[in-house]
Amino acid sequence: TDVLAAATWVKTHTAASERLVCNLDPL
């Protein structure tokens, strides 16, 4: 549920063109 909340946060607080750096990059 934290991972899903994190994905929602990313989708609502970043532009679609932004790039992420993370340990679970494929996810």
mmCIF file of all heavy atoms, coordinates in Angstrom:
data_MODEL
# 
_entry.id   MODEL 
# 
loop_
_atom_site.group_PDB 
_atom_site.id 
_atom_site.type_symbol 
_atom_site.label_atom_id 
_atom_site.label_alt_id 
_atom_site.label_comp_id 
_atom_site.label_asym_id 
_atom_site.label_entity_id 
_atom_site.label_seq_id 
_atom_site.pdbx_PDB_ins_code 
_atom_site.Cartn_x 
_atom_site.Cartn_y 
_atom_site.Cartn_z 
_atom_site.occupancy 
_atom_site.B_iso_or_equiv 
_atom_site.pdbx_formal_charge 
_atom_site.auth_seq_id 
_atom_site.auth_comp_id 
_atom_site.auth_asym_id 
_atom_site.auth_atom_id 
_atom_site.pdbx_PDB_model_num 
ATOM 1   N N   . THR A 1 1  ? 0.835  -1.207 0.000   1.00 0.00 ? 1  THR A N   1 
ATOM 2   C CA  . THR A 1 1  ? 0.000  0.000  0.000   1.00 0.00 ? 1  THR A CA  1 
ATOM 3   C C   . THR A 1 1  ? 0.870  1.258  0.000   1.00 0.00 ? 1  THR A C   1 
ATOM 4   O O   . THR A 1 1  ? 0.492  2.272  -0.596  1.00 0.00 ? 1  THR A O   1 
ATOM 5   C CB  . THR A 1 1  ? -0.955 0.020  1.212   1.00 0.00 ? 1  THR A CB  1 
ATOM 6   O OG1 . THR A 1 1  ? -0.199 -0.148 2.409   1.00 0.00 ? 1  THR A OG1 1 
ATOM 7   C CG2 . THR A 1 1  ? -2.002 -1.075 1.107   1.00 0.00 ? 1  THR A CG2 1 
ATOM 8   N N   . ASP A 1 2  ? 2.047  1.205  0.648   1.00 0.00 ? 2  ASP A N   1 
ATOM 9   C CA  . ASP A 1 2  ? 2.976  2.340  0.610   1.00 0.00 ? 2  ASP A CA  1 
ATOM 10  C C   . ASP A 1 2  ? 3.509  2.559  -0.803  1.00 0.00 ? 2  ASP A C   1 
ATOM 11  O O   . ASP A 1 2  ? 3.636  3.694  -1.269  1.00 0.00 ? 2  ASP A O   1 
ATOM 12  C CB  . ASP A 1 2  ? 4.164  2.126  1.553   1.00 0.00 ? 2  ASP A CB  1 
ATOM 13  C CG  . ASP A 1 2  ? 3.769  2.033  3.010   1.00 0.00 ? 2  ASP A CG  1 
ATOM 14  O OD1 . ASP A 1 2  ? 2.784  2.694  3.411   1.00 0.00 ? 2  ASP A OD1 1 
ATOM 15  O OD2 . ASP A 1 2  ? 4.438  1.289  3.757   1.00 0.00 ? 2  ASP A OD2 1 
ATOM 16  N N   . VAL A 1 3  ? 3.833  1.467  -1.482  1.00 0.00 ? 3  VAL A N   1 
ATOM 17  C CA  . VAL A 1 3  ? 4.353  1.560  -2.845  1.00 0.00 ? 3  VAL A CA  1 
ATOM 18  C C   . VAL A 1 3  ? 3.293  2.152  -3.771  1.00 0.00 ? 3  VAL A C   1 
ATOM 19  O O   . VAL A 1 3  ? 3.579  3.030  -4.590  1.00 0.00 ? 3  VAL A O   1 
ATOM 20  C CB  . VAL A 1 3  ? 4.834  0.184  -3.352  1.00 0.00 ? 3  VAL A CB  1 
ATOM 21  C CG1 . VAL A 1 3  ? 5.215  0.247  -4.823  1.00 0.00 ? 3  VAL A CG1 1 
ATOM 22  C CG2 . VAL A 1 3  ? 6.002  -0.309 -2.511  1.00 0.00 ? 3  VAL A CG2 1 
ATOM 23  N N   . LEU A 1 4  ? 2.052  1.703  -3.614  1.00 0.00 ? 4  LEU A N   1 
ATOM 24  C CA  . LEU A 1 4  ? 0.971  2.250  -4.444  1.00 0.00 ? 4  LEU A CA  1 
ATOM 25  C C   . LEU A 1 4  ? 0.734  3.725  -4.127  1.00 0.00 ? 4  LEU A C   1 
ATOM 26  O O   . LEU A 1 4  ? 0.515  4.537  -5.036  1.00 0.00 ? 4  LEU A O   1 
ATOM 27  C CB  . LEU A 1 4  ? -0.313 1.445  -4.244  1.00 0.00 ? 4  LEU A CB  1 
ATOM 28  C CG  . LEU A 1 4  ? -0.271 0.007  -4.753  1.00 0.00 ? 4  LEU A CG  1 
ATOM 29  C CD1 . LEU A 1 4  ? -1.578 -0.707 -4.427  1.00 0.00 ? 4  LEU A CD1 1 
ATOM 30  C CD2 . LEU A 1 4  ? 0.029  -0.041 -6.237  1.00 0.00 ? 4  LEU A CD2 1 
ATOM 31  N N   . ALA A 1 5  ? 0.807  4.095  -2.841  1.00 0.00 ? 5  ALA A N   1 
ATOM 32  C CA  . ALA A 1 5  ? 0.668  5.504  -2.458  1.00 0.00 ? 5  ALA A CA  1 
ATOM 33  C C   . ALA A 1 5  ? 1.820  6.327  -3.020  1.00 0.00 ? 5  ALA A C   1 
ATOM 34  O O   . ALA A 1 5  ? 1.624  7.471  -3.460  1.00 0.00 ? 5  ALA A O   1 
ATOM 35  C CB  . ALA A 1 5  ? 0.613  5.637  -0.932  1.00 0.00 ? 5  ALA A CB  1 
ATOM 36  N N   . ALA A 1 6  ? 3.018  5.752  -3.046  1.00 0.00 ? 6  ALA A N   1 
ATOM 37  C CA  . ALA A 1 6  ? 4.180  6.455  -3.610  1.00 0.00 ? 6  ALA A CA  1 
ATOM 38  C C   . ALA A 1 6  ? 3.980  6.680  -5.108  1.00 0.00 ? 6  ALA A C   1 
ATOM 39  O O   . ALA A 1 6  ? 4.267  7.762  -5.627  1.00 0.00 ? 6  ALA A O   1 
ATOM 40  C CB  . ALA A 1 6  ? 5.458  5.667  -3.349  1.00 0.00 ? 6  ALA A CB  1 
ATOM 41  N N   . ALA A 1 7  ? 3.482  5.668  -5.798  1.00 0.00 ? 7  ALA A N   1 
ATOM 42  C CA  . ALA A 1 7  ? 3.237  5.815  -7.241  1.00 0.00 ? 7  ALA A CA  1 
ATOM 43  C C   . ALA A 1 7  ? 2.183  6.888  -7.493  1.00 0.00 ? 7  ALA A C   1 
ATOM 44  O O   . ALA A 1 7  ? 2.325  7.708  -8.419  1.00 0.00 ? 7  ALA A O   1 
ATOM 45  C CB  . ALA A 1 7  ? 2.800  4.482  -7.835  1.00 0.00 ? 7  ALA A CB  1 
ATOM 46  N N   . THR A 1 8  ? 1.156  6.919  -6.676  1.00 0.00 ? 8  THR A N   1 
ATOM 47  C CA  . THR A 1 8  ? 0.128  7.964  -6.806  1.00 0.00 ? 8  THR A CA  1 
ATOM 48  C C   . THR A 1 8  ? 0.738  9.336  -6.545  1.00 0.00 ? 8  THR A C   1 
ATOM 49  O O   . THR A 1 8  ? 0.458  10.291 -7.269  1.00 0.00 ? 8  THR A O   1 
ATOM 50  C CB  . THR A 1 8  ? -1.039 7.691  -5.829  1.00 0.00 ? 8  THR A CB  1 
ATOM 51  O OG1 . THR A 1 8  ? -1.608 6.423  -6.158  1.00 0.00 ? 8  THR A OG1 1 
ATOM 52  C CG2 . THR A 1 8  ? -2.090 8.778  -5.908  1.00 0.00 ? 8  THR A CG2 1 
ATOM 53  N N   . TRP A 1 9  ? 1.584  9.449  -5.527  1.00 0.00 ? 9  TRP A N   1 
ATOM 54  C CA  . TRP A 1 9  ? 2.242  10.717 -5.228  1.00 0.00 ? 9  TRP A CA  1 
ATOM 55  C C   . TRP A 1 9  ? 3.060  11.172 -6.431  1.00 0.00 ? 9  TRP A C   1 
ATOM 56  O O   . TRP A 1 9  ? 2.995  12.332 -6.830  1.00 0.00 ? 9  TRP A O   1 
ATOM 57  C CB  . TRP A 1 9  ? 3.145  10.585 -3.997  1.00 0.00 ? 9  TRP A CB  1 
ATOM 58  C CG  . TRP A 1 9  ? 3.668  11.897 -3.508  1.00 0.00 ? 9  TRP A CG  1 
ATOM 59  C CD1 . TRP A 1 9  ? 3.144  12.647 -2.505  1.00 0.00 ? 9  TRP A CD1 1 
ATOM 60  C CD2 . TRP A 1 9  ? 4.800  12.625 -4.009  1.00 0.00 ? 9  TRP A CD2 1 
ATOM 61  N NE1 . TRP A 1 9  ? 3.888  13.805 -2.348  1.00 0.00 ? 9  TRP A NE1 1 
ATOM 62  C CE2 . TRP A 1 9  ? 4.902  13.809 -3.263  1.00 0.00 ? 9  TRP A CE2 1 
ATOM 63  C CE3 . TRP A 1 9  ? 5.729  12.398 -5.013  1.00 0.00 ? 9  TRP A CE3 1 
ATOM 64  C CZ2 . TRP A 1 9  ? 5.901  14.762 -3.484  1.00 0.00 ? 9  TRP A CZ2 1 
ATOM 65  C CZ3 . TRP A 1 9  ? 6.723  13.336 -5.251  1.00 0.00 ? 9  TRP A CZ3 1 
ATOM 66  C CH2 . TRP A 1 9  ? 6.797  14.497 -4.491  1.00 0.00 ? 9  TRP A CH2 1 
ATOM 67  N N   . VAL A 1 10 ? 3.820  10.259 -7.006  1.00 0.00 ? 10 VAL A N   1 
ATOM 68  C CA  . VAL A 1 10 ? 4.648  10.605 -8.168  1.00 0.00 ? 10 VAL A CA  1 
ATOM 69  C C   . VAL A 1 10 ? 3.774  11.072 -9.325  1.00 0.00 ? 10 VAL A C   1 
ATOM 70  O O   . VAL A 1 10 ? 4.064  12.092 -9.970  1.00 0.00 ? 10 VAL A O   1 
ATOM 71  C CB  . VAL A 1 10 ? 5.539  9.413  -8.591  1.00 0.00 ? 10 VAL A CB  1 
ATOM 72  C CG1 . VAL A 1 10 ? 6.195  9.663  -9.944  1.00 0.00 ? 10 VAL A CG1 1 
ATOM 73  C CG2 . VAL A 1 10 ? 6.595  9.137  -7.526  1.00 0.00 ? 10 VAL A CG2 1 
ATOM 74  N N   . LYS A 1 11 ? 2.681  10.363 -9.589  1.00 0.00 ? 11 LYS A N   1 
ATOM 75  C CA  . LYS A 1 11 ? 1.812  10.736 -10.710 1.00 0.00 ? 11 LYS A CA  1 
ATOM 76  C C   . LYS A 1 11 ? 1.144  12.095 -10.503 1.00 0.00 ? 11 LYS A C   1 
ATOM 77  O O   . LYS A 1 11 ? 0.883  12.801 -11.459 1.00 0.00 ? 11 LYS A O   1 
ATOM 78  C CB  . LYS A 1 11 ? 0.755  9.654  -10.953 1.00 0.00 ? 11 LYS A CB  1 
ATOM 79  C CG  . LYS A 1 11 ? 1.347  8.398  -11.572 1.00 0.00 ? 11 LYS A CG  1 
ATOM 80  C CD  . LYS A 1 11 ? 0.303  7.441  -12.090 1.00 0.00 ? 11 LYS A CD  1 
ATOM 81  C CE  . LYS A 1 11 ? -0.369 6.704  -10.985 1.00 0.00 ? 11 LYS A CE  1 
ATOM 82  N NZ  . LYS A 1 11 ? -1.251 5.624  -11.446 1.00 0.00 ? 11 LYS A NZ  1 
ATOM 83  N N   . THR A 1 12 ? 0.881  12.459 -9.245  1.00 0.00 ? 12 THR A N   1 
ATOM 84  C CA  . THR A 1 12 ? 0.187  13.728 -8.988  1.00 0.00 ? 12 THR A CA  1 
ATOM 85  C C   . THR A 1 12 ? 1.127  14.894 -8.710  1.00 0.00 ? 12 THR A C   1 
ATOM 86  O O   . THR A 1 12 ? 0.697  16.041 -8.739  1.00 0.00 ? 12 THR A O   1 
ATOM 87  C CB  . THR A 1 12 ? -0.799 13.590 -7.799  1.00 0.00 ? 12 THR A CB  1 
ATOM 88  O OG1 . THR A 1 12 ? -0.084 13.174 -6.647  1.00 0.00 ? 12 THR A OG1 1 
ATOM 89  C CG2 . THR A 1 12 ? -1.904 12.603 -8.119  1.00 0.00 ? 12 THR A CG2 1 
ATOM 90  N N   . HIS A 1 13 ? 2.407  14.632 -8.444  1.00 0.00 ? 13 HIS A N   1 
ATOM 91  C CA  . HIS A 1 13 ? 3.344  15.700 -8.107  1.00 0.00 ? 13 HIS A CA  1 
ATOM 92  C C   . HIS A 1 13 ? 4.487  15.867 -9.103  1.00 0.00 ? 13 HIS A C   1 
ATOM 93  O O   . HIS A 1 13 ? 5.404  16.649 -8.862  1.00 0.00 ? 13 HIS A O   1 
ATOM 94  C CB  . HIS A 1 13 ? 3.942  15.469 -6.714  1.00 0.00 ? 13 HIS A CB  1 
ATOM 95  C CG  . HIS A 1 13 ? 2.961  15.648 -5.611  1.00 0.00 ? 13 HIS A CG  1 
ATOM 96  N ND1 . HIS A 1 13 ? 2.092  14.641 -5.217  1.00 0.00 ? 13 HIS A ND1 1 
ATOM 97  C CD2 . HIS A 1 13 ? 2.681  16.717 -4.839  1.00 0.00 ? 13 HIS A CD2 1 
ATOM 98  C CE1 . HIS A 1 13 ? 1.338  15.093 -4.230  1.00 0.00 ? 13 HIS A CE1 1 
ATOM 99  N NE2 . HIS A 1 13 ? 1.676  16.342 -3.983  1.00 0.00 ? 13 HIS A NE2 1 
ATOM 100 N N   . THR A 1 14 ? 4.450  15.119 -10.200 1.00 0.00 ? 14 THR A N   1 
ATOM 101 C CA  . THR A 1 14 ? 5.487  15.258 -11.224 1.00 0.00 ? 14 THR A CA  1 
ATOM 102 C C   . THR A 1 14 ? 4.835  15.304 -12.599 1.00 0.00 ? 14 THR A C   1 
ATOM 103 O O   . THR A 1 14 ? 3.730  14.791 -12.795 1.00 0.00 ? 14 THR A O   1 
ATOM 104 C CB  . THR A 1 14 ? 6.489  14.082 -11.202 1.00 0.00 ? 14 THR A CB  1 
ATOM 105 O OG1 . THR A 1 14 ? 5.800  12.871 -11.544 1.00 0.00 ? 14 THR A OG1 1 
ATOM 106 C CG2 . THR A 1 14 ? 7.152  13.929 -9.842  1.00 0.00 ? 14 THR A CG2 1 
ATOM 107 N N   . ALA A 1 15 ? 5.548  15.905 -13.528 1.00 0.00 ? 15 ALA A N   1 
ATOM 108 C CA  . ALA A 1 15 ? 5.098  15.904 -14.922 1.00 0.00 ? 15 ALA A CA  1 
ATOM 109 C C   . ALA A 1 15 ? 5.441  14.550 -15.544 1.00 0.00 ? 15 ALA A C   1 
ATOM 110 O O   . ALA A 1 15 ? 6.379  13.880 -15.105 1.00 0.00 ? 15 ALA A O   1 
ATOM 111 C CB  . ALA A 1 15 ? 5.786  17.027 -15.691 1.00 0.00 ? 15 ALA A CB  1 
ATOM 112 N N   . ALA A 1 16 ? 4.704  14.171 -16.556 1.00 0.00 ? 16 ALA A N   1 
ATOM 113 C CA  . ALA A 1 16 ? 4.928  12.879 -17.210 1.00 0.00 ? 16 ALA A CA  1 
ATOM 114 C C   . ALA A 1 16 ? 6.329  12.783 -17.813 1.00 0.00 ? 16 ALA A C   1 
ATOM 115 O O   . ALA A 1 16 ? 6.857  11.691 -17.993 1.00 0.00 ? 16 ALA A O   1 
ATOM 116 C CB  . ALA A 1 16 ? 3.878  12.650 -18.285 1.00 0.00 ? 16 ALA A CB  1 
ATOM 117 N N   . SER A 1 17 ? 6.956  13.909 -18.086 1.00 0.00 ? 17 SER A N   1 
ATOM 118 C CA  . SER A 1 17 ? 8.286  13.911 -18.698 1.00 0.00 ? 17 SER A CA  1 
ATOM 119 C C   . SER A 1 17 ? 9.422  13.826 -17.680 1.00 0.00 ? 17 SER A C   1 
ATOM 120 O O   . SER A 1 17 ? 10.580 13.689 -18.060 1.00 0.00 ? 17 SER A O   1 
ATOM 121 C CB  . SER A 1 17 ? 8.464  15.167 -19.524 1.00 0.00 ? 17 SER A CB  1 
ATOM 122 O OG  . SER A 1 17 ? 8.341  16.310 -18.687 1.00 0.00 ? 17 SER A OG  1 
ATOM 123 N N   . GLU A 1 18 ? 9.091  13.880 -16.393 1.00 0.00 ? 18 GLU A N   1 
ATOM 124 C CA  . GLU A 1 18 ? 10.150 13.856 -15.384 1.00 0.00 ? 18 GLU A CA  1 
ATOM 125 C C   . GLU A 1 18 ? 10.763 12.471 -15.265 1.00 0.00 ? 18 GLU A C   1 
ATOM 126 O O   . GLU A 1 18 ? 10.130 11.472 -15.565 1.00 0.00 ? 18 GLU A O   1 
ATOM 127 C CB  . GLU A 1 18 ? 9.593  14.313 -14.031 1.00 0.00 ? 18 GLU A CB  1 
ATOM 128 C CG  . GLU A 1 18 ? 9.255  15.798 -14.032 1.00 0.00 ? 18 GLU A CG  1 
ATOM 129 C CD  . GLU A 1 18 ? 9.006  16.339 -12.644 1.00 0.00 ? 18 GLU A CD  1 
ATOM 130 O OE1 . GLU A 1 18 ? 9.899  16.202 -11.780 1.00 0.00 ? 18 GLU A OE1 1 
ATOM 131 O OE2 . GLU A 1 18 ? 7.912  16.888 -12.432 1.00 0.00 ? 18 GLU A OE2 1 
ATOM 132 N N   . ARG A 1 19 ? 12.003 12.463 -14.805 1.00 0.00 ? 19 ARG A N   1 
ATOM 133 C CA  . ARG A 1 19 ? 12.745 11.211 -14.649 1.00 0.00 ? 19 ARG A CA  1 
ATOM 134 C C   . ARG A 1 19 ? 13.005 10.934 -13.179 1.00 0.00 ? 19 ARG A C   1 
ATOM 135 O O   . ARG A 1 19 ? 13.297 11.836 -12.410 1.00 0.00 ? 19 ARG A O   1 
ATOM 136 C CB  . ARG A 1 19 ? 14.063 11.290 -15.385 1.00 0.00 ? 19 ARG A CB  1 
ATOM 137 C CG  . ARG A 1 19 ? 13.862 11.372 -16.875 1.00 0.00 ? 19 ARG A CG  1 
ATOM 138 C CD  . ARG A 1 19 ? 15.165 11.452 -17.580 1.00 0.00 ? 19 ARG A CD  1 
ATOM 139 N NE  . ARG A 1 19 ? 14.914 11.475 -19.016 1.00 0.00 ? 19 ARG A NE  1 
ATOM 140 C CZ  . ARG A 1 19 ? 15.848 11.333 -19.909 1.00 0.00 ? 19 ARG A CZ  1 
ATOM 141 N NH1 . ARG A 1 19 ? 17.099 11.154 -19.532 1.00 0.00 ? 19 ARG A NH1 1 
ATOM 142 N NH2 . ARG A 1 19 ? 15.541 11.371 -21.182 1.00 0.00 ? 19 ARG A NH2 1 
ATOM 143 N N   . LEU A 1 20 ? 12.934 9.648  -12.842 1.00 0.00 ? 20 LEU A N   1 
ATOM 144 C CA  . LEU A 1 20 ? 13.097 9.215  -11.463 1.00 0.00 ? 20 LEU A CA  1 
ATOM 145 C C   . LEU A 1 20 ? 14.408 8.449  -11.294 1.00 0.00 ? 20 LEU A C   1 
ATOM 146 O O   . LEU A 1 20 ? 14.843 7.759  -12.211 1.00 0.00 ? 20 LEU A O   1 
ATOM 147 C CB  . LEU A 1 20 ? 11.956 8.276  -11.060 1.00 0.00 ? 20 LEU A CB  1 
ATOM 148 C CG  . LEU A 1 20 ? 10.535 8.687  -11.410 1.00 0.00 ? 20 LEU A CG  1 
ATOM 149 C CD1 . LEU A 1 20 ? 9.566  7.567  -11.057 1.00 0.00 ? 20 LEU A CD1 1 
ATOM 150 C CD2 . LEU A 1 20 ? 10.172 9.972  -10.710 1.00 0.00 ? 20 LEU A CD2 1 
ATOM 151 N N   . VAL A 1 21 ? 14.992 8.572  -10.126 1.00 0.00 ? 21 VAL A N   1 
ATOM 152 C CA  . VAL A 1 21 ? 16.096 7.710  -9.716  1.00 0.00 ? 21 VAL A CA  1 
ATOM 153 C C   . VAL A 1 21 ? 15.596 6.965  -8.487  1.00 0.00 ? 21 VAL A C   1 
ATOM 154 O O   . VAL A 1 21 ? 15.121 7.595  -7.536  1.00 0.00 ? 21 VAL A O   1 
ATOM 155 C CB  . VAL A 1 21 ? 17.370 8.512  -9.383  1.00 0.00 ? 21 VAL A CB  1 
ATOM 156 C CG1 . VAL A 1 21 ? 18.348 7.676  -8.586  1.00 0.00 ? 21 VAL A CG1 1 
ATOM 157 C CG2 . VAL A 1 21 ? 18.035 8.997  -10.656 1.00 0.00 ? 21 VAL A CG2 1 
ATOM 158 N N   . CYS A 1 22 ? 15.643 5.639  -8.539  1.00 0.00 ? 22 CYS A N   1 
ATOM 159 C CA  . CYS A 1 22 ? 15.151 4.842  -7.418  1.00 0.00 ? 22 CYS A CA  1 
ATOM 160 C C   . CYS A 1 22 ? 15.727 3.439  -7.502  1.00 0.00 ? 22 CYS A C   1 
ATOM 161 O O   . CYS A 1 22 ? 16.186 3.012  -8.561  1.00 0.00 ? 22 CYS A O   1 
ATOM 162 C CB  . CYS A 1 22 ? 13.630 4.797  -7.411  1.00 0.00 ? 22 CYS A CB  1 
ATOM 163 S SG  . CYS A 1 22 ? 12.878 4.395  -8.978  1.00 0.00 ? 22 CYS A SG  1 
ATOM 164 N N   . ASN A 1 23 ? 15.702 2.761  -6.381  1.00 0.00 ? 23 ASN A N   1 
ATOM 165 C CA  . ASN A 1 23 ? 16.221 1.401  -6.344  1.00 0.00 ? 23 ASN A CA  1 
ATOM 166 C C   . ASN A 1 23 ? 15.301 0.429  -7.084  1.00 0.00 ? 23 ASN A C   1 
ATOM 167 O O   . ASN A 1 23 ? 15.764 -0.506 -7.699  1.00 0.00 ? 23 ASN A O   1 
ATOM 168 C CB  . ASN A 1 23 ? 16.420 0.960  -4.896  1.00 0.00 ? 23 ASN A CB  1 
ATOM 169 C CG  . ASN A 1 23 ? 17.309 -0.256 -4.788  1.00 0.00 ? 23 ASN A CG  1 
ATOM 170 O OD1 . ASN A 1 23 ? 17.939 -0.664 -5.757  1.00 0.00 ? 23 ASN A OD1 1 
ATOM 171 N ND2 . ASN A 1 23 ? 17.372 -0.840 -3.614  1.00 0.00 ? 23 ASN A ND2 1 
ATOM 172 N N   . LEU A 1 24 ? 14.018 0.646  -7.025  1.00 0.00 ? 24 LEU A N   1 
ATOM 173 C CA  . LEU A 1 24 ? 13.052 -0.246 -7.688  1.00 0.00 ? 24 LEU A CA  1 
ATOM 174 C C   . LEU A 1 24 ? 12.583 0.378  -8.998  1.00 0.00 ? 24 LEU A C   1 
ATOM 175 O O   . LEU A 1 24 ? 11.390 0.542  -9.245  1.00 0.00 ? 24 LEU A O   1 
ATOM 176 C CB  . LEU A 1 24 ? 11.874 -0.502 -6.744  1.00 0.00 ? 24 LEU A CB  1 
ATOM 177 C CG  . LEU A 1 24 ? 12.239 -1.142 -5.408  1.00 0.00 ? 24 LEU A CG  1 
ATOM 178 C CD1 . LEU A 1 24 ? 11.028 -1.196 -4.492  1.00 0.00 ? 24 LEU A CD1 1 
ATOM 179 C CD2 . LEU A 1 24 ? 12.846 -2.515 -5.605  1.00 0.00 ? 24 LEU A CD2 1 
ATOM 180 N N   . ASP A 1 25 ? 13.521 0.736  -9.862  1.00 0.00 ? 25 ASP A N   1 
ATOM 181 C CA  . ASP A 1 25 ? 13.200 1.479  -11.072 1.00 0.00 ? 25 ASP A CA  1 
ATOM 182 C C   . ASP A 1 25 ? 12.184 0.802  -11.994 1.00 0.00 ? 25 ASP A C   1 
ATOM 183 O O   . ASP A 1 25 ? 11.273 1.479  -12.473 1.00 0.00 ? 25 ASP A O   1 
ATOM 184 C CB  . ASP A 1 25 ? 14.472 1.863  -11.835 1.00 0.00 ? 25 ASP A CB  1 
ATOM 185 C CG  . ASP A 1 25 ? 15.428 0.713  -12.051 1.00 0.00 ? 25 ASP A CG  1 
ATOM 186 O OD1 . ASP A 1 25 ? 15.703 -0.023 -11.094 1.00 0.00 ? 25 ASP A OD1 1 
ATOM 187 O OD2 . ASP A 1 25 ? 15.911 0.559  -13.176 1.00 0.00 ? 25 ASP A OD2 1 
ATOM 188 N N   . PRO A 1 26 ? 12.256 -0.506 -12.244 1.00 0.00 ? 26 PRO A N   1 
ATOM 189 C CA  . PRO A 1 26 ? 11.241 -1.096 -13.131 1.00 0.00 ? 26 PRO A CA  1 
ATOM 190 C C   . PRO A 1 26 ? 9.831  -0.978 -12.548 1.00 0.00 ? 26 PRO A C   1 
ATOM 191 O O   . PRO A 1 26 ? 8.871  -0.707 -13.267 1.00 0.00 ? 26 PRO A O   1 
ATOM 192 C CB  . PRO A 1 26 ? 11.659 -2.563 -13.263 1.00 0.00 ? 26 PRO A CB  1 
ATOM 193 C CG  . PRO A 1 26 ? 13.069 -2.618 -12.816 1.00 0.00 ? 26 PRO A CG  1 
ATOM 194 C CD  . PRO A 1 26 ? 13.246 -1.500 -11.832 1.00 0.00 ? 26 PRO A CD  1 
ATOM 195 N N   . LEU A 1 27 ? 9.719  -1.152 -11.252 1.00 0.00 ? 27 LEU A N   1 
ATOM 196 C CA  . LEU A 1 27 ? 8.413  -1.071 -10.597 1.00 0.00 ? 27 LEU A CA  1 
ATOM 197 C C   . LEU A 1 27 ? 7.824  0.327  -10.727 1.00 0.00 ? 27 LEU A C   1 
ATOM 198 O O   . LEU A 1 27 ? 6.665  0.496  -11.104 1.00 0.00 ? 27 LEU A O   1 
ATOM 199 C CB  . LEU A 1 27 ? 8.547  -1.455 -9.119  1.00 0.00 ? 27 LEU A CB  1 
ATOM 200 C CG  . LEU A 1 27 ? 7.267  -1.372 -8.297  1.00 0.00 ? 27 LEU A CG  1 
ATOM 201 C CD1 . LEU A 1 27 ? 6.267  -2.411 -8.780  1.00 0.00 ? 27 LEU A CD1 1 
ATOM 202 C CD2 . LEU A 1 27 ? 7.576  -1.578 -6.834  1.00 0.00 ? 27 LEU A CD2 1 
# 
